Protein backbone atom coordinates (compact mmCIF):
# COMPACT_ATOMS: atom_id res chain seq x y z
CA MET A 1 165.92 24.49 -55.85
CA ALA A 2 168.97 23.02 -54.09
CA MET A 3 169.77 26.44 -52.62
CA GLN A 4 166.19 26.74 -51.32
CA TYR A 5 166.54 23.42 -49.47
CA VAL A 6 169.82 24.60 -47.93
CA MET A 7 168.09 27.77 -46.73
CA LEU A 8 165.15 25.76 -45.34
CA ALA A 9 167.59 23.58 -43.40
CA ALA A 10 169.11 26.74 -41.92
CA LEU A 11 165.66 28.09 -41.01
CA VAL A 12 164.78 24.94 -39.06
CA ALA A 13 168.28 24.59 -37.49
CA SER A 14 167.53 26.69 -34.37
CA SER A 15 169.17 25.41 -31.18
CA SER A 16 171.47 23.06 -33.06
CA ALA A 17 173.12 26.26 -34.25
CA PHE A 18 174.96 26.86 -30.96
CA MET A 19 178.48 27.35 -32.34
CA SER A 20 181.80 26.23 -30.94
CA SER A 21 183.36 28.55 -28.39
CA THR A 22 186.38 28.80 -30.67
CA MET A 23 184.35 31.27 -32.72
CA SER A 24 184.28 33.92 -30.00
CA SER A 25 187.78 35.26 -30.57
CA ARG A 26 187.12 36.31 -34.15
CA LEU A 27 183.85 37.98 -33.28
CA THR A 28 185.32 40.59 -30.97
CA ALA A 29 184.97 43.28 -33.64
CA LYS A 30 181.24 42.65 -34.05
CA ARG A 31 179.71 45.75 -32.46
CA VAL A 32 177.30 47.61 -33.13
CA TRP A 33 174.48 49.95 -33.94
CA THR A 34 173.39 51.68 -30.76
CA ASN A 35 171.94 54.89 -29.41
CA LYS A 36 173.18 54.18 -25.89
CA ALA A 37 176.32 55.40 -24.17
CA SER A 38 179.09 52.90 -23.60
CA TYR A 39 178.61 50.72 -20.56
CA ARG A 40 180.77 48.73 -18.21
CA VAL A 41 180.71 44.96 -18.62
CA ASN A 42 180.24 43.22 -15.31
CA ALA A 43 182.61 40.37 -14.53
CA PRO A 44 181.02 36.95 -15.17
CA ALA A 45 179.43 35.42 -12.12
CA ALA A 46 181.11 32.36 -10.65
CA ARG A 47 179.74 29.18 -12.23
CA LYS A 48 177.04 27.55 -10.13
CA ALA A 49 176.14 23.91 -9.84
CA ALA A 50 173.68 22.72 -12.48
CA VAL A 51 170.10 23.63 -11.65
CA PRO A 52 167.55 20.83 -12.22
CA LEU A 53 165.23 21.24 -15.19
CA ARG A 54 161.51 20.98 -14.63
CA MET A 55 158.45 21.07 -16.86
CA ALA A 56 155.35 23.21 -16.52
CA SER A 57 152.08 22.35 -18.22
CA SER A 58 150.80 24.84 -20.76
CA THR A 59 147.70 26.86 -19.90
CA ASP A 60 146.68 26.44 -23.56
CA ALA A 61 146.25 22.87 -24.81
CA GLN A 62 147.36 23.91 -28.31
CA TYR A 63 150.86 24.70 -27.05
CA GLY A 64 153.55 22.37 -25.75
CA LYS A 65 155.07 22.27 -22.30
CA SER A 66 157.32 24.98 -20.93
CA PHE A 67 160.72 23.93 -19.60
CA VAL A 68 161.90 25.87 -16.57
CA VAL A 69 165.40 26.40 -15.19
CA ASP A 70 165.02 27.96 -11.75
CA ALA A 71 167.34 30.70 -10.52
CA ALA A 72 170.52 29.42 -8.88
CA GLU A 73 170.14 32.07 -6.17
CA GLU A 74 167.19 34.13 -4.97
CA HIS A 75 164.80 34.53 -7.89
CA THR A 76 164.32 38.24 -8.69
CA ALA A 77 163.98 38.23 -12.50
CA THR A 78 162.59 35.99 -15.26
CA VAL A 79 163.65 35.47 -18.87
CA ILE A 80 161.12 33.88 -21.24
CA TRP A 81 162.87 32.57 -24.38
CA LEU A 82 161.11 31.46 -27.59
CA HIS A 83 162.67 28.85 -29.88
CA GLY A 84 162.67 28.88 -33.69
CA LEU A 85 160.72 26.89 -36.28
CA GLY A 86 160.67 23.11 -35.73
CA ASP A 87 162.38 23.29 -32.35
CA SER A 88 161.22 22.98 -28.74
CA GLY A 89 161.71 24.77 -25.46
CA LYS A 90 163.67 21.85 -24.07
CA GLU A 91 166.38 22.14 -26.74
CA TRP A 92 167.17 25.71 -25.61
CA THR A 93 167.46 25.07 -21.87
CA LYS A 94 171.27 25.01 -22.10
CA LEU A 95 171.04 28.75 -22.77
CA ALA A 96 170.31 29.34 -19.07
CA SER A 97 173.63 27.90 -17.91
CA ALA A 98 175.47 29.56 -20.82
CA ILE A 99 174.20 33.01 -19.82
CA SER A 100 174.63 32.23 -16.12
CA VAL A 101 172.69 35.04 -14.45
CA PRO A 102 172.11 33.44 -11.03
CA TRP A 103 169.17 35.63 -9.95
CA ALA A 104 167.19 34.88 -13.14
CA LYS A 105 164.70 32.10 -13.74
CA PHE A 106 164.48 30.95 -17.37
CA VAL A 107 161.25 29.76 -18.98
CA PHE A 108 161.44 28.00 -22.36
CA PRO A 109 157.94 27.55 -23.81
CA THR A 110 157.18 25.24 -26.72
CA ALA A 111 155.10 26.33 -29.69
CA SER A 112 152.05 24.48 -30.99
CA ARG A 113 152.40 21.66 -33.52
CA GLN A 114 150.96 22.65 -36.88
CA PRO A 115 151.49 22.10 -40.61
CA SER A 116 154.25 24.31 -41.99
CA THR A 117 153.68 25.70 -45.48
CA ILE A 118 157.37 26.48 -46.00
CA CYS A 119 158.19 22.83 -45.19
CA GLU A 120 155.64 21.39 -47.63
CA GLY A 121 152.96 20.83 -44.99
CA ALA A 122 155.11 18.87 -42.55
CA THR A 123 153.81 19.09 -38.97
CA MET A 124 156.23 20.72 -36.53
CA ASN A 125 156.44 23.11 -33.60
CA SER A 126 155.79 26.59 -34.92
CA TRP A 127 154.72 29.90 -33.38
CA TYR A 128 152.88 30.68 -36.63
CA ASP A 129 152.87 29.52 -40.24
CA ILE A 130 155.69 30.66 -42.52
CA THR A 131 154.71 30.64 -46.18
CA GLY A 132 157.98 31.63 -47.88
CA LEU A 133 161.48 33.02 -47.47
CA GLY A 134 160.70 36.63 -48.37
CA VAL A 135 160.27 39.17 -45.60
CA LYS A 136 156.51 39.37 -46.22
CA GLU A 137 156.07 35.58 -46.23
CA LEU A 138 158.15 35.18 -43.08
CA ARG A 139 155.57 37.22 -41.13
CA SER A 140 152.33 36.97 -43.15
CA ASP A 141 150.37 34.82 -40.68
CA VAL A 142 149.09 37.69 -38.56
CA GLU A 143 146.40 35.55 -36.90
CA GLY A 144 148.92 32.90 -35.89
CA ILE A 145 151.30 35.54 -34.54
CA GLN A 146 148.50 37.04 -32.44
CA LYS A 147 147.61 33.63 -30.98
CA SER A 148 151.20 33.13 -29.91
CA ILE A 149 151.34 36.67 -28.50
CA ASP A 150 148.31 35.79 -26.35
CA HIS A 151 150.03 32.61 -25.16
CA ILE A 152 153.25 34.44 -24.23
CA HIS A 153 151.19 37.10 -22.43
CA SER A 154 149.62 34.32 -20.34
CA LEU A 155 153.11 33.15 -19.33
CA VAL A 156 154.13 36.69 -18.39
CA LYS A 157 150.97 37.14 -16.33
CA ALA A 158 151.67 33.86 -14.52
CA GLU A 159 155.13 35.15 -13.57
CA ILE A 160 153.62 38.41 -12.28
CA GLU A 161 151.01 36.52 -10.28
CA SER A 162 153.77 34.41 -8.72
CA GLY A 163 155.48 37.57 -7.44
CA THR A 164 157.91 38.72 -10.16
CA PRO A 165 157.40 42.42 -11.01
CA SER A 166 156.62 42.96 -14.70
CA GLU A 167 159.63 45.25 -15.14
CA ARG A 168 161.85 42.32 -14.02
CA ILE A 169 160.66 40.11 -16.91
CA ILE A 170 162.57 39.99 -20.20
CA LEU A 171 161.33 38.29 -23.37
CA GLY A 172 163.57 36.94 -26.11
CA GLY A 173 163.71 34.57 -29.02
CA PHE A 174 165.54 33.10 -31.98
CA SER A 175 164.33 33.44 -35.60
CA GLN A 176 160.50 33.38 -35.68
CA GLY A 177 160.59 33.22 -31.87
CA GLY A 178 162.29 36.62 -31.84
CA CYS A 179 159.57 38.05 -34.09
CA VAL A 180 156.86 36.90 -31.67
CA ALA A 181 158.87 38.07 -28.64
CA ILE A 182 159.12 41.64 -30.00
CA ALA A 183 155.42 41.77 -30.79
CA ALA A 184 154.42 40.29 -27.41
CA ALA A 185 156.65 42.71 -25.48
CA MET A 186 155.47 45.83 -27.27
CA LYS A 187 151.80 44.89 -26.89
CA PHE A 188 151.89 43.95 -23.20
CA GLU A 189 149.87 46.23 -20.93
CA GLN A 190 152.49 46.48 -18.17
CA GLU A 191 156.09 47.65 -18.31
CA LEU A 192 158.57 44.87 -19.11
CA GLY A 193 162.31 44.72 -18.53
CA GLY A 194 163.25 44.36 -22.20
CA VAL A 195 163.21 42.13 -25.26
CA MET A 196 166.00 40.37 -27.21
CA ALA A 197 165.72 39.07 -30.79
CA VAL A 198 168.43 36.92 -32.42
CA SER A 199 168.55 36.24 -36.18
CA SER A 200 165.02 37.52 -36.48
CA TRP A 201 162.80 40.05 -38.21
CA TYR A 202 160.35 42.76 -37.19
CA PRO A 203 156.76 41.59 -36.65
CA PRO A 204 153.93 42.86 -38.86
CA CYS A 205 151.82 44.40 -36.10
CA PRO A 206 153.57 46.74 -33.66
CA SER A 207 153.87 50.36 -34.76
CA SER A 208 154.22 53.44 -32.62
CA SER A 209 150.44 53.43 -32.25
CA ASP A 210 150.25 49.68 -31.50
CA ALA A 211 152.90 49.74 -28.78
CA LEU A 212 151.07 50.18 -25.51
CA ALA A 213 152.06 53.15 -23.38
CA ALA A 214 153.68 50.91 -20.76
CA ASN A 215 156.29 49.71 -23.27
CA LYS A 216 156.92 52.72 -25.49
CA LYS A 217 160.38 52.94 -23.86
CA LEU A 218 161.04 49.20 -23.90
CA PRO A 219 164.77 48.31 -24.12
CA VAL A 220 165.31 46.25 -27.29
CA MET A 221 168.44 44.36 -28.37
CA LEU A 222 168.79 42.94 -31.89
CA CYS A 223 171.56 40.40 -32.62
CA HIS A 224 172.25 39.32 -36.18
CA GLY A 225 174.76 37.30 -38.19
CA GLU A 226 176.19 39.38 -41.01
CA VAL A 227 175.84 36.58 -43.59
CA ASP A 228 172.47 35.19 -42.45
CA PRO A 229 170.86 33.66 -45.59
CA ILE A 230 167.36 33.52 -44.06
CA ALA A 231 166.81 36.66 -42.02
CA LYS A 232 168.80 39.25 -43.90
CA VAL A 233 170.92 41.52 -41.71
CA GLU A 234 169.40 44.50 -43.55
CA TRP A 235 166.05 43.63 -41.97
CA SER A 236 167.55 44.00 -38.52
CA ARG A 237 169.16 47.30 -39.48
CA LYS A 238 165.80 48.59 -40.73
CA ALA A 239 164.09 47.36 -37.56
CA PHE A 240 166.75 49.14 -35.50
CA GLU A 241 166.21 52.40 -37.38
CA TYR A 242 162.44 52.03 -37.05
CA LEU A 243 162.71 51.51 -33.30
CA LEU A 244 164.88 54.62 -33.00
CA ASP A 245 162.30 56.59 -35.00
CA MET A 246 159.79 55.45 -32.36
CA ASP A 247 162.20 56.85 -29.72
CA MET A 248 162.76 53.42 -28.19
CA PRO A 249 166.12 52.57 -26.52
CA ALA A 250 167.28 50.07 -29.15
CA GLU A 251 170.71 48.57 -29.62
CA GLY A 252 172.01 46.17 -32.26
CA ASN A 253 174.97 43.86 -32.70
CA VAL A 254 176.24 42.41 -35.99
CA TYR A 255 178.49 39.31 -36.00
CA PRO A 256 180.87 38.97 -38.99
CA GLY A 257 180.94 35.57 -40.70
CA VAL A 258 177.87 34.31 -38.83
CA GLY A 259 174.77 32.93 -40.58
CA HIS A 260 171.37 31.86 -39.22
CA GLU A 261 172.88 30.51 -36.03
CA PHE A 262 173.73 31.24 -32.43
CA THR A 263 177.19 32.19 -31.16
CA PRO A 264 179.04 32.55 -27.83
CA ALA A 265 179.44 36.28 -28.56
CA GLU A 266 175.65 36.62 -28.60
CA VAL A 267 175.48 34.85 -25.24
CA THR A 268 177.86 37.47 -23.83
CA ASP A 269 175.77 40.35 -25.22
CA MET A 270 172.56 38.81 -23.89
CA LYS A 271 174.09 38.39 -20.45
CA GLU A 272 175.10 42.07 -20.40
CA PHE A 273 171.62 43.11 -21.56
CA ILE A 274 169.97 41.15 -18.74
CA GLN A 275 172.44 42.49 -16.17
CA ARG A 276 171.80 46.09 -17.20
CA ASN A 277 168.03 45.91 -17.42
CA CYS A 278 167.35 43.48 -14.57
CA PRO A 279 170.39 43.84 -12.30
CA PRO A 280 170.64 41.93 -9.02
CA THR A 281 168.53 43.48 -6.28
């Protein structure tokens, strides 16, 4: 029972799991499953002055506010990032400055508040209900997942309507947020720029037949701690193999010694993914 409580604490940790930058040096050997050729890493952009944070009201009253970090330069791409269980969009806004892609706007939506079965009915922000720590229980609430997919689609459509081309929009998320991000990206009716999932698992819905034609070649990046006690690294490996079987351009990174948490090395890989799939125009 004590071990289960430790694992629950890790599941709800989310943005508090940003690790010290001293970890990066020992993660340099972390790469990789990939079907892509090697690529050049662009030099980091010069650090910009902090960009003010603003809030945007949700179009769905069930969901919380989105927190927006506008592009430091001309806005030509958008990243929509989904938090994990019990967290909020606001707690992840520091990710925008950590990644530091000056042409990208970052949107951090907040999930709806609902009772969480895995947390003994406690009410918290959650993209869908999690009923247990097994792979089936982590993604059993298909109806809840679909509701969150619909909400994320509304955010994507709002970005398109404001002038951002769909192929310049990237989705991403941590833990259960990554699960929803993959499903939302594969089921969107217009081509997207890509999707990133960190310490996550494959959603129950998208198969080769579910993925809409516009995103059958969607770039996908999976990032996973090798000793994650919640989302087993084997699940990411299987997801990676499944995506390759669907002929999707997937890539995966494993981080030795890392659990259900977020590291500077993942920030670097995410930055490269954004630069390659939504480069400056």
